[in-house]
Amino acid sequence: MTAPGPGARPTAPVPAKAPARPEAPDRPEARGRRGSTGRTWVPGRADRTAAVVAVVLVAAAAVTAVVLARLGHPVRAGAAPLFADWWPHLGPGTPAALLVAAAVVRFGPPLARRLSWGRLLAAGYATAVGWTLALALVDGWRAGVADRLTTQHEYLHEVPGVTDIPAMLRGFSARILDFQPDSWTTHVSGHPPGALLVFVWLDRLGLSGGGWAGLLCILVGAGTAVAVPQTVRLLGTDEAARAVVPFAVLFPGAVWIGVSADGLFAGVTAAGVALVTAGAVRRSVLAALAGGVLLGFACYLSYGLVLMAPVVAAAVLLGGARRVFWAVLGAAAVAVAFTAAGFSWWTGYHLVVERYYQGIASHRAYAYWVWADLAALAVSAGPAAAVVLRRAGSEGGRLRPRSLAGLRRISVVWLLPLAAAGSVLAADLSGYSKAEVERIWLPFAVWFAAGAALIPAGHRRFWLVAQAGTALLVNHLLFTTW
């Protein structure tokens, strides 16, 4: 090493490289066990706690129901908080259900990342149909599908008597109240005439009987596995939408989608929301109009579906109010058509409230069901819904985007689940949902999957297993009625 020449500026010594700062420890909710690759595969404490709270709620509702029955105050549900009968069994659908569940858990997340969007939606829909049908077939074809909608309380019981559709619509409200010679059956009286009309139209097409009616509910209800992720993609990001697909497919509520008319209602409303969203985002008059027609018709399928308003409002807020006029016009056209045909929605609703308390609802205590209903929802929505809601509430509100476009992209994954929770709370606190909400609230419950992107990618298989396990346990331990 040579000395510097005269007048040369001394070279500053090069400082030693500072030691790397240790990484900050993971937040409690992000911690979990790590496999040999270092990837977290078991959820953190906060997520596990949310799921455990949901399980404890279900257990508390079940134990309380037993205690109340022993004290002479039955809650009027055979396997409370679910409206079902205990019947541990296997069936022809068992192998298929296990196979579908295993395939989605193993291949669902990677395929959701790799497939083109169109192929992914097609695969998701086909798999959702297979999952729902397999669960139904655990009870066998007749008990699980063909006979579900044919009992004396169901829609198909009334179909043969509808020989004149205009006359049926004009006289519908007069037959809602019970204890009359021509009173409608339980489910027909409890809904607007749109629900009965669907099965009458199906019969007129030559597809009569419980088998076709059951398959219709499965095919339409499985459409939620397309409509929910498509809505998320329109309002948010492709990545967030892809995370939704496996969870929308392995939805535990598929136990009740196959087969109940509420599964059909869920499919119709989800498609309506997706189309209204497409109308706003893509500025399509046709999509907005079609979405409005579906959502308007949904209100004539079930009175309670007016409570889809928070979900629709969230979609419009995120997508913008463009073309919303056409959606409102489509919904209004349906209302005008039914009113002109002789059925008044408001008259029917007030009569249904009276009919509601003529039956078993008058013997179901609000003090029990106002919280036990949430336990029933925890089963049909699955433990992943509790995780999504926890993350939506705690993390969503802390996001600070720099633009309106950024707000929309990151808000959809927490705003849609929270909007669905708002719909549920409104239905619950009203007192008009006491028991059986595991199927009645299906149109709301499917939207919790919209927040799947909030779940860390490494944890998603764990929660998919939990979702599938919930459905399989329910369907193999219980016989779910209507």
Protein backbone atom coordinates (compact mmCIF):
# COMPACT_ATOMS: atom_id res chain seq x y z
CA MET A 1 0.00 0.00 0.00
CA THR A 2 1.54 3.35 -1.07
CA ALA A 3 1.32 6.60 0.83
CA PRO A 4 -0.62 9.44 -0.78
CA GLY A 5 1.39 12.02 -2.67
CA PRO A 6 1.91 15.63 -1.53
CA GLY A 7 -1.31 17.61 -1.43
CA ALA A 8 -3.49 14.57 -1.94
CA ARG A 9 -6.70 14.43 0.11
CA PRO A 10 -6.76 11.49 2.46
CA THR A 11 -9.27 8.81 1.55
CA ALA A 12 -12.10 8.47 4.04
CA PRO A 13 -12.22 5.06 5.61
CA VAL A 14 -15.05 2.88 4.36
CA PRO A 15 -17.37 2.19 7.25
CA ALA A 16 -18.05 -1.40 8.09
CA LYS A 17 -21.44 -2.65 6.89
CA ALA A 18 -23.96 -2.26 9.65
CA PRO A 19 -25.39 -5.55 10.88
CA ALA A 20 -28.84 -6.28 9.53
CA ARG A 21 -31.63 -5.38 11.90
CA PRO A 22 -33.52 -8.38 13.12
CA GLU A 23 -36.94 -8.68 11.56
CA ALA A 24 -39.79 -7.57 13.70
CA PRO A 25 -41.75 -10.48 15.06
CA ASP A 26 -44.99 -11.34 13.32
CA ARG A 27 -48.14 -9.86 14.67
CA PRO A 28 -50.04 -12.35 16.85
CA GLU A 29 -52.69 -12.88 14.20
CA ALA A 30 -50.05 -13.69 11.56
CA ARG A 31 -48.10 -16.24 13.59
CA GLY A 32 -48.49 -19.91 12.93
CA ARG A 33 -46.63 -23.17 12.62
CA ARG A 34 -44.20 -23.37 9.76
CA GLY A 35 -43.41 -26.35 7.61
CA SER A 36 -40.00 -27.25 6.23
CA THR A 37 -40.38 -24.59 3.53
CA GLY A 38 -40.97 -21.87 6.12
CA ARG A 39 -44.53 -21.18 4.95
CA THR A 40 -47.16 -20.65 7.61
CA TRP A 41 -49.83 -23.34 7.32
CA VAL A 42 -51.70 -23.07 10.62
CA PRO A 43 -53.58 -19.80 11.25
CA GLY A 44 -52.57 -17.33 13.89
CA ARG A 45 -54.09 -17.04 17.32
CA ALA A 46 -56.61 -14.32 16.51
CA ASP A 47 -58.08 -16.23 13.58
CA ARG A 48 -58.25 -19.45 15.57
CA THR A 49 -59.94 -17.57 18.38
CA ALA A 50 -62.59 -16.20 16.02
CA ALA A 51 -63.37 -19.71 14.79
CA VAL A 52 -63.43 -21.09 18.35
CA VAL A 53 -65.88 -18.37 19.39
CA ALA A 54 -68.18 -19.49 16.57
CA VAL A 55 -67.91 -23.13 17.69
CA VAL A 56 -68.57 -22.17 21.31
CA LEU A 57 -71.64 -20.20 20.23
CA VAL A 58 -73.01 -23.28 18.46
CA ALA A 59 -72.28 -25.49 21.46
CA ALA A 60 -73.87 -22.98 23.85
CA ALA A 61 -77.02 -22.86 21.71
CA ALA A 62 -77.21 -26.66 21.64
CA VAL A 63 -76.71 -27.04 25.40
CA THR A 64 -79.16 -24.25 26.20
CA ALA A 65 -81.77 -25.89 24.00
CA VAL A 66 -81.42 -29.16 25.92
CA VAL A 67 -81.69 -27.38 29.25
CA LEU A 68 -84.77 -25.43 28.17
CA ALA A 69 -86.42 -28.63 26.94
CA ARG A 70 -85.78 -30.29 30.31
CA LEU A 71 -87.37 -27.28 32.01
CA GLY A 72 -90.47 -27.58 29.84
CA HIS A 73 -89.65 -24.77 27.40
CA PRO A 74 -88.70 -26.49 24.13
CA VAL A 75 -87.16 -24.30 21.43
CA ARG A 76 -89.00 -26.19 18.66
CA ALA A 77 -85.98 -27.38 16.67
CA GLY A 78 -84.93 -31.02 16.70
CA ALA A 79 -81.18 -30.45 16.67
CA ALA A 80 -81.06 -26.86 17.88
CA PRO A 81 -79.75 -24.47 16.79
CA LEU A 82 -80.37 -26.31 13.49
CA PHE A 83 -83.80 -27.36 12.28
CA ALA A 84 -82.94 -31.01 11.75
CA ASP A 85 -83.14 -34.49 13.24
CA TRP A 86 -80.22 -36.47 14.62
CA TRP A 87 -79.43 -39.33 12.21
CA PRO A 88 -75.78 -40.41 11.97
CA HIS A 89 -75.48 -42.12 8.59
CA LEU A 90 -73.54 -42.63 5.38
CA GLY A 91 -75.03 -42.58 1.92
CA PRO A 92 -74.35 -42.93 -1.79
CA GLY A 93 -73.13 -39.35 -1.94
CA THR A 94 -70.50 -39.83 0.78
CA PRO A 95 -67.57 -40.96 -1.44
CA ALA A 96 -68.25 -38.25 -4.01
CA ALA A 97 -68.50 -35.53 -1.35
CA LEU A 98 -65.20 -36.61 0.20
CA LEU A 99 -63.55 -36.74 -3.21
CA VAL A 100 -64.76 -33.27 -4.23
CA ALA A 101 -63.71 -31.78 -0.89
CA ALA A 102 -60.24 -33.32 -1.10
CA ALA A 103 -59.79 -32.19 -4.71
CA VAL A 104 -60.77 -28.58 -3.97
CA VAL A 105 -58.52 -28.41 -0.91
CA ARG A 106 -55.57 -29.90 -2.79
CA PHE A 107 -55.93 -28.36 -6.25
CA GLY A 108 -58.33 -25.44 -5.75
CA PRO A 109 -55.92 -22.68 -4.68
CA PRO A 110 -53.21 -23.38 -7.33
CA LEU A 111 -55.78 -23.78 -10.11
CA ALA A 112 -57.45 -20.55 -9.00
CA ARG A 113 -54.13 -18.79 -9.61
CA ARG A 114 -53.30 -20.44 -12.96
CA LEU A 115 -56.50 -20.93 -14.96
CA SER A 116 -57.85 -18.24 -17.22
CA TRP A 117 -60.78 -16.41 -15.62
CA GLY A 118 -63.43 -17.93 -17.87
CA ARG A 119 -62.15 -21.47 -17.33
CA LEU A 120 -61.87 -20.89 -13.60
CA LEU A 121 -65.49 -19.77 -13.33
CA ALA A 122 -66.65 -22.73 -15.42
CA ALA A 123 -64.65 -25.16 -13.28
CA GLY A 124 -65.87 -23.48 -10.10
CA TYR A 125 -69.50 -23.74 -11.15
CA ALA A 126 -69.22 -27.39 -12.19
CA THR A 127 -67.47 -28.25 -8.93
CA ALA A 128 -70.05 -26.37 -6.87
CA VAL A 129 -72.82 -28.34 -8.59
CA GLY A 130 -70.96 -31.58 -7.86
CA TRP A 131 -70.34 -30.62 -4.23
CA THR A 132 -73.95 -29.63 -3.61
CA LEU A 133 -75.38 -32.69 -5.36
CA ALA A 134 -72.99 -35.04 -3.56
CA LEU A 135 -74.01 -33.62 -0.19
CA ALA A 136 -77.68 -34.03 -1.07
CA LEU A 137 -77.10 -37.64 -2.15
CA VAL A 138 -75.67 -38.51 1.25
CA ASP A 139 -79.36 -38.88 2.15
CA GLY A 140 -80.09 -40.78 -1.08
CA TRP A 141 -81.84 -39.63 -4.23
CA ARG A 142 -85.39 -39.67 -2.89
CA ALA A 143 -84.80 -38.38 0.65
CA GLY A 144 -82.03 -36.02 -0.39
CA VAL A 145 -83.38 -34.61 -3.64
CA ALA A 146 -86.62 -35.90 -5.15
CA ASP A 147 -88.87 -35.74 -2.09
CA ARG A 148 -87.59 -32.55 -0.45
CA LEU A 149 -89.99 -30.15 -2.15
CA THR A 150 -93.00 -32.47 -2.33
CA THR A 151 -94.14 -32.68 1.31
CA GLN A 152 -97.42 -31.18 2.48
CA HIS A 153 -95.61 -28.04 3.66
CA GLU A 154 -93.77 -27.41 0.39
CA TYR A 155 -94.33 -25.64 -2.91
CA LEU A 156 -94.94 -28.67 -5.11
CA HIS A 157 -97.89 -29.69 -2.96
CA GLU A 158 -99.76 -26.68 -4.37
CA VAL A 159 -98.58 -26.84 -7.99
CA PRO A 160 -101.32 -29.22 -9.27
CA GLY A 161 -104.00 -26.87 -7.94
CA VAL A 162 -102.72 -23.88 -9.92
CA THR A 163 -104.69 -24.19 -13.15
CA ASP A 164 -105.06 -20.46 -13.75
CA ILE A 165 -102.00 -18.33 -12.98
CA PRO A 166 -103.73 -14.92 -13.20
CA ALA A 167 -106.49 -16.15 -10.87
CA MET A 168 -103.88 -17.52 -8.46
CA LEU A 169 -102.12 -14.14 -8.33
CA ARG A 170 -105.36 -12.23 -7.80
CA GLY A 171 -106.47 -14.49 -4.96
CA PHE A 172 -103.06 -15.23 -3.44
CA SER A 173 -103.30 -12.92 -0.42
CA ALA A 174 -106.74 -14.21 0.54
CA ARG A 175 -105.26 -17.66 1.19
CA ILE A 176 -102.26 -16.63 3.31
CA LEU A 177 -103.83 -16.82 6.77
CA ASP A 178 -104.09 -20.24 8.38
CA PHE A 179 -107.15 -22.20 9.56
CA GLN A 180 -109.09 -21.69 6.34
CA PRO A 181 -110.28 -24.49 4.05
CA ASP A 182 -108.04 -23.27 1.23
CA SER A 183 -105.07 -21.89 3.21
CA TRP A 184 -101.77 -22.18 1.42
CA THR A 185 -99.21 -24.66 2.76
CA THR A 186 -96.56 -23.37 5.15
CA HIS A 187 -93.91 -22.37 2.63
CA VAL A 188 -96.27 -21.04 -0.02
CA SER A 189 -98.10 -18.86 2.49
CA GLY A 190 -94.82 -17.61 3.95
CA HIS A 191 -93.54 -16.24 0.65
CA PRO A 192 -94.80 -13.99 -2.13
CA PRO A 193 -96.21 -15.82 -5.17
CA GLY A 194 -92.97 -15.65 -7.14
CA ALA A 195 -91.62 -18.74 -5.38
CA LEU A 196 -94.69 -20.81 -6.27
CA LEU A 197 -94.64 -19.40 -9.81
CA VAL A 198 -91.13 -20.75 -10.42
CA PHE A 199 -92.26 -24.30 -9.75
CA VAL A 200 -95.50 -23.83 -11.66
CA TRP A 201 -93.52 -22.63 -14.69
CA LEU A 202 -91.17 -25.60 -14.32
CA ASP A 203 -94.18 -27.91 -14.32
CA ARG A 204 -95.62 -26.17 -17.40
CA LEU A 205 -92.34 -26.87 -19.22
CA GLY A 206 -92.93 -30.58 -18.65
CA LEU A 207 -90.29 -30.83 -15.88
CA SER A 208 -92.70 -31.86 -13.15
CA GLY A 209 -91.94 -33.59 -9.88
CA GLY A 210 -89.52 -33.21 -7.02
CA GLY A 211 -86.47 -34.44 -8.91
CA TRP A 212 -86.54 -31.62 -11.46
CA ALA A 213 -87.43 -29.06 -8.80
CA GLY A 214 -84.53 -30.21 -6.64
CA LEU A 215 -82.08 -30.10 -9.53
CA LEU A 216 -83.25 -26.58 -10.40
CA CYS A 217 -82.43 -25.41 -6.86
CA ILE A 218 -79.00 -27.04 -7.07
CA LEU A 219 -78.17 -25.63 -10.50
CA VAL A 220 -79.30 -22.09 -9.67
CA GLY A 221 -77.90 -22.13 -6.14
CA ALA A 222 -74.47 -23.23 -7.37
CA GLY A 223 -74.42 -20.05 -9.45
CA THR A 224 -73.29 -18.22 -6.32
CA ALA A 225 -69.85 -19.75 -6.96
CA VAL A 226 -69.75 -17.64 -10.14
CA ALA A 227 -71.63 -14.49 -9.12
CA VAL A 228 -69.75 -13.75 -5.89
CA PRO A 229 -66.19 -13.96 -7.30
CA GLN A 230 -67.26 -12.14 -10.46
CA THR A 231 -68.61 -9.27 -8.35
CA VAL A 232 -65.34 -9.12 -6.41
CA ARG A 233 -63.36 -9.06 -9.67
CA LEU A 234 -65.49 -6.26 -11.09
CA LEU A 235 -65.12 -4.15 -7.96
CA GLY A 236 -61.67 -5.18 -6.79
CA THR A 237 -58.73 -7.10 -8.19
CA ASP A 238 -58.26 -10.30 -10.14
CA GLU A 239 -56.15 -11.71 -7.32
CA ALA A 240 -58.84 -11.08 -4.70
CA ALA A 241 -61.51 -12.66 -6.92
CA ARG A 242 -59.41 -15.78 -7.51
CA ALA A 243 -59.06 -16.25 -3.76
CA VAL A 244 -62.86 -16.32 -3.47
CA VAL A 245 -63.54 -19.19 -5.87
CA PRO A 246 -62.49 -22.21 -3.73
CA PHE A 247 -64.39 -20.83 -0.73
CA ALA A 248 -67.49 -20.10 -2.79
CA VAL A 249 -67.35 -23.70 -4.07
CA LEU A 250 -66.88 -25.42 -0.69
CA PHE A 251 -69.61 -23.34 0.94
CA PRO A 252 -71.00 -25.33 3.92
CA GLY A 253 -74.45 -23.90 3.23
CA ALA A 254 -74.52 -26.18 0.17
CA VAL A 255 -76.10 -28.65 2.60
CA TRP A 256 -79.24 -26.49 2.42
CA ILE A 257 -78.86 -25.26 -1.14
CA GLY A 258 -79.36 -28.90 -2.10
CA VAL A 259 -82.24 -28.97 -1.77
CA SER A 260 -84.34 -26.03 -0.58
CA ALA A 261 -85.91 -23.15 -2.43
CA ASP A 262 -83.70 -20.82 -0.42
CA GLY A 263 -80.76 -22.12 -2.43
CA LEU A 264 -82.53 -20.95 -5.56
CA PHE A 265 -83.17 -17.58 -3.90
CA ALA A 266 -79.45 -17.26 -3.11
CA GLY A 267 -78.52 -17.92 -6.72
CA VAL A 268 -81.02 -15.39 -8.09
CA THR A 269 -79.97 -12.60 -5.72
CA ALA A 270 -76.25 -13.22 -6.22
CA ALA A 271 -76.70 -13.07 -10.00
CA GLY A 272 -78.70 -9.86 -9.60
CA VAL A 273 -75.94 -8.21 -7.58
CA ALA A 274 -73.29 -9.32 -10.09
CA LEU A 275 -75.28 -7.94 -13.02
CA VAL A 276 -76.01 -4.60 -11.34
CA THR A 277 -72.29 -4.36 -10.56
CA ALA A 278 -71.41 -5.13 -14.17
CA GLY A 279 -73.85 -2.45 -15.28
CA ALA A 280 -72.14 0.12 -13.10
CA VAL A 281 -68.53 -0.84 -13.77
CA ARG A 282 -68.85 -1.63 -17.47
CA ARG A 283 -71.54 0.98 -18.09
CA SER A 284 -73.86 -1.63 -19.56
CA VAL A 285 -77.53 -0.71 -19.65
CA LEU A 286 -78.53 -4.29 -20.43
CA ALA A 287 -76.62 -5.73 -17.45
CA ALA A 288 -78.02 -3.12 -15.07
CA LEU A 289 -81.55 -3.68 -16.32
CA ALA A 290 -81.25 -7.48 -16.07
CA GLY A 291 -79.78 -7.21 -12.58
CA GLY A 292 -82.63 -4.96 -11.48
CA VAL A 293 -85.18 -7.43 -12.84
CA LEU A 294 -83.57 -10.31 -10.93
CA LEU A 295 -83.36 -8.35 -7.68
CA GLY A 296 -86.92 -7.12 -8.10
CA PHE A 297 -88.13 -10.66 -8.75
CA ALA A 298 -86.17 -11.84 -5.69
CA CYS A 299 -88.38 -9.63 -3.52
CA TYR A 300 -91.31 -11.65 -4.87
CA LEU A 301 -89.53 -14.90 -4.03
CA SER A 302 -89.11 -14.02 -0.35
CA TYR A 303 -90.18 -10.97 1.64
CA GLY A 304 -86.92 -11.05 3.57
CA LEU A 305 -84.83 -10.49 0.48
CA VAL A 306 -85.48 -6.75 0.67
CA LEU A 307 -82.71 -7.00 3.27
CA MET A 308 -80.24 -7.60 0.44
CA ALA A 309 -80.25 -3.79 0.22
CA PRO A 310 -76.97 -3.34 2.19
CA VAL A 311 -75.12 -5.73 -0.15
CA VAL A 312 -76.56 -4.05 -3.25
CA ALA A 313 -75.76 -0.61 -1.81
CA ALA A 314 -72.17 -1.67 -1.11
CA ALA A 315 -71.76 -2.89 -4.69
CA VAL A 316 -73.21 0.35 -6.08
CA LEU A 317 -71.04 2.45 -3.76
CA LEU A 318 -67.90 0.68 -4.91
CA GLY A 319 -68.86 0.41 -8.57
CA GLY A 320 -70.38 3.84 -8.96
CA ALA A 321 -73.95 4.91 -9.58
CA ARG A 322 -73.63 4.74 -13.37
CA ARG A 323 -76.58 2.95 -14.94
CA VAL A 324 -78.19 2.45 -11.51
CA PHE A 325 -81.30 4.11 -12.92
CA TRP A 326 -81.75 1.14 -15.26
CA ALA A 327 -81.42 -1.31 -12.37
CA VAL A 328 -84.10 0.57 -10.44
CA LEU A 329 -86.26 0.61 -13.57
CA GLY A 330 -85.91 -3.16 -13.95
CA ALA A 331 -86.89 -3.79 -10.33
CA ALA A 332 -89.80 -1.38 -10.59
CA ALA A 333 -91.07 -3.14 -13.72
CA VAL A 334 -91.32 -6.41 -11.78
CA ALA A 335 -93.21 -4.72 -8.94
CA VAL A 336 -95.60 -3.07 -11.39
CA ALA A 337 -96.22 -6.38 -13.16
CA PHE A 338 -97.12 -8.24 -9.96
CA THR A 339 -99.27 -5.37 -8.71
CA ALA A 340 -101.12 -5.16 -12.03
CA ALA A 341 -101.69 -8.91 -11.87
CA GLY A 342 -103.49 -8.45 -8.56
CA PHE A 343 -100.90 -9.16 -5.87
CA SER A 344 -99.96 -6.39 -3.42
CA TRP A 345 -96.55 -6.97 -1.81
CA TRP A 346 -97.39 -4.87 1.25
CA THR A 347 -100.73 -6.58 1.82
CA GLY A 348 -99.08 -9.97 1.52
CA TYR A 349 -96.30 -8.99 3.90
CA HIS A 350 -98.66 -7.86 6.67
CA LEU A 351 -100.72 -11.03 6.30
CA VAL A 352 -97.57 -13.15 6.47
CA VAL A 353 -96.59 -11.52 9.75
CA GLU A 354 -99.98 -12.52 11.12
CA ARG A 355 -99.66 -16.05 9.69
CA TYR A 356 -96.16 -16.27 11.19
CA TYR A 357 -97.55 -16.00 14.69
CA GLN A 358 -100.40 -18.39 13.95
CA GLY A 359 -97.86 -21.17 13.72
CA ILE A 360 -94.81 -22.48 15.51
CA ALA A 361 -93.13 -19.07 15.64
CA SER A 362 -95.39 -18.04 18.51
CA HIS A 363 -93.81 -20.84 20.58
CA ARG A 364 -90.22 -19.95 19.75
CA ALA A 365 -88.74 -17.59 22.32
CA TYR A 366 -87.10 -14.46 20.93
CA ALA A 367 -84.70 -14.37 23.90
CA TYR A 368 -83.19 -17.67 22.77
CA TRP A 369 -83.36 -17.39 19.01
CA VAL A 370 -82.02 -13.83 18.77
CA TRP A 371 -78.58 -15.26 19.50
CA ALA A 372 -79.10 -18.92 18.57
CA ASP A 373 -79.90 -17.79 15.02
CA LEU A 374 -76.33 -16.51 14.81
CA ALA A 375 -75.14 -19.95 15.92
CA ALA A 376 -77.13 -21.54 13.09
CA LEU A 377 -75.55 -19.07 10.67
CA ALA A 378 -72.11 -19.96 12.02
CA VAL A 379 -72.75 -23.53 10.87
CA SER A 380 -74.06 -22.76 7.39
CA ALA A 381 -71.46 -20.05 6.71
CA GLY A 382 -68.66 -22.09 8.26
CA PRO A 383 -65.73 -21.13 10.50
CA ALA A 384 -63.98 -19.26 7.70
CA ALA A 385 -66.79 -16.70 7.79
CA ALA A 386 -65.87 -15.86 11.39
CA VAL A 387 -62.27 -15.31 10.29
CA VAL A 388 -63.32 -13.11 7.37
CA LEU A 389 -65.56 -10.99 9.58
CA ARG A 390 -62.83 -10.61 12.19
CA ARG A 391 -60.33 -9.49 9.58
CA ALA A 392 -62.85 -7.29 7.79
CA GLY A 393 -63.66 -5.48 11.01
CA SER A 394 -60.14 -5.14 12.37
CA GLU A 395 -58.06 -4.67 9.22
CA GLY A 396 -60.42 -3.17 6.65
CA GLY A 397 -61.00 0.04 8.55
CA ARG A 398 -57.27 0.70 8.87
CA LEU A 399 -56.60 0.79 5.15
CA ARG A 400 -55.65 4.21 3.78
CA PRO A 401 -55.64 4.24 -0.04
CA ARG A 402 -54.30 7.23 -1.94
CA SER A 403 -57.10 7.41 -4.50
CA LEU A 404 -60.77 6.60 -5.00
CA ALA A 405 -59.80 3.83 -7.42
CA GLY A 406 -57.51 2.39 -4.78
CA LEU A 407 -60.26 2.60 -2.20
CA ARG A 408 -62.56 0.56 -4.40
CA ARG A 409 -59.95 -2.10 -5.10
CA ILE A 410 -59.13 -2.75 -1.47
CA SER A 411 -62.54 -2.09 0.08
CA VAL A 412 -64.55 -4.77 -1.68
CA VAL A 413 -63.02 -7.63 0.32
CA TRP A 414 -64.19 -6.21 3.62
CA LEU A 415 -67.18 -4.07 2.69
CA LEU A 416 -69.23 -6.84 1.04
CA PRO A 417 -68.89 -9.26 4.02
CA LEU A 418 -69.72 -6.47 6.46
CA ALA A 419 -72.75 -5.48 4.36
CA ALA A 420 -73.94 -9.10 4.47
CA ALA A 421 -73.46 -9.05 8.24
CA GLY A 422 -75.64 -5.93 8.37
CA SER A 423 -78.38 -7.76 6.47
CA VAL A 424 -78.16 -10.65 8.91
CA LEU A 425 -78.39 -8.40 11.96
CA ALA A 426 -81.43 -6.61 10.56
CA ALA A 427 -83.16 -9.95 9.94
CA ASP A 428 -82.16 -11.24 13.35
CA LEU A 429 -83.19 -8.27 15.44
CA SER A 430 -86.52 -7.95 13.63
CA GLY A 431 -87.76 -11.13 15.31
CA TYR A 432 -89.11 -12.46 12.02
CA SER A 433 -86.27 -14.95 11.73
CA LYS A 434 -86.49 -17.44 14.55
CA ALA A 435 -84.88 -20.78 13.68
CA GLU A 436 -84.30 -22.33 10.26
CA VAL A 437 -82.02 -19.43 9.33
CA GLU A 438 -79.31 -21.86 8.24
CA ARG A 439 -81.29 -21.99 4.98
CA ILE A 440 -83.28 -18.72 5.15
CA TRP A 441 -80.11 -16.61 5.37
CA LEU A 442 -78.28 -18.39 2.53
CA PRO A 443 -78.61 -15.33 0.23
CA PHE A 444 -76.67 -13.30 2.83
CA ALA A 445 -74.23 -16.00 3.93
CA VAL A 446 -72.73 -16.59 0.48
CA TRP A 447 -71.28 -13.06 0.54
CA PHE A 448 -68.92 -13.77 3.44
CA ALA A 449 -66.74 -15.62 0.91
CA ALA A 450 -66.17 -12.27 -0.83
CA GLY A 451 -63.58 -11.56 1.86
CA ALA A 452 -61.50 -14.68 1.23
CA ALA A 453 -58.53 -12.55 0.12
CA LEU A 454 -58.27 -11.26 3.69
CA ILE A 455 -57.14 -14.74 4.72
CA PRO A 456 -53.37 -15.17 4.19
CA ALA A 457 -52.65 -17.42 1.21
CA GLY A 458 -50.74 -19.89 3.35
CA HIS A 459 -53.75 -20.39 5.62
CA ARG A 460 -56.43 -20.88 3.01
CA ARG A 461 -56.14 -24.65 2.72
CA PHE A 462 -56.58 -24.95 6.47
CA TRP A 463 -59.85 -23.02 6.34
CA LEU A 464 -61.03 -24.88 3.25
CA VAL A 465 -60.64 -28.10 5.23
CA ALA A 466 -62.65 -26.54 8.06
CA GLN A 467 -65.39 -25.45 5.64
CA ALA A 468 -65.65 -28.86 4.00
CA GLY A 469 -65.49 -30.64 7.35
CA THR A 470 -68.39 -28.56 8.67
CA ALA A 471 -70.63 -29.51 5.75
CA LEU A 472 -69.65 -33.18 5.90
CA LEU A 473 -70.25 -33.43 9.64
CA VAL A 474 -73.66 -31.78 9.42
CA ASN A 475 -74.83 -33.90 6.51
CA HIS A 476 -73.62 -37.17 8.04
CA LEU A 477 -74.81 -36.55 11.60
CA LEU A 478 -78.15 -34.89 10.87
CA PHE A 479 -81.09 -35.14 8.51
CA THR A 480 -81.83 -31.54 7.58
CA THR A 481 -85.54 -30.99 7.05
CA TRP A 482 -86.99 -28.88 4.31
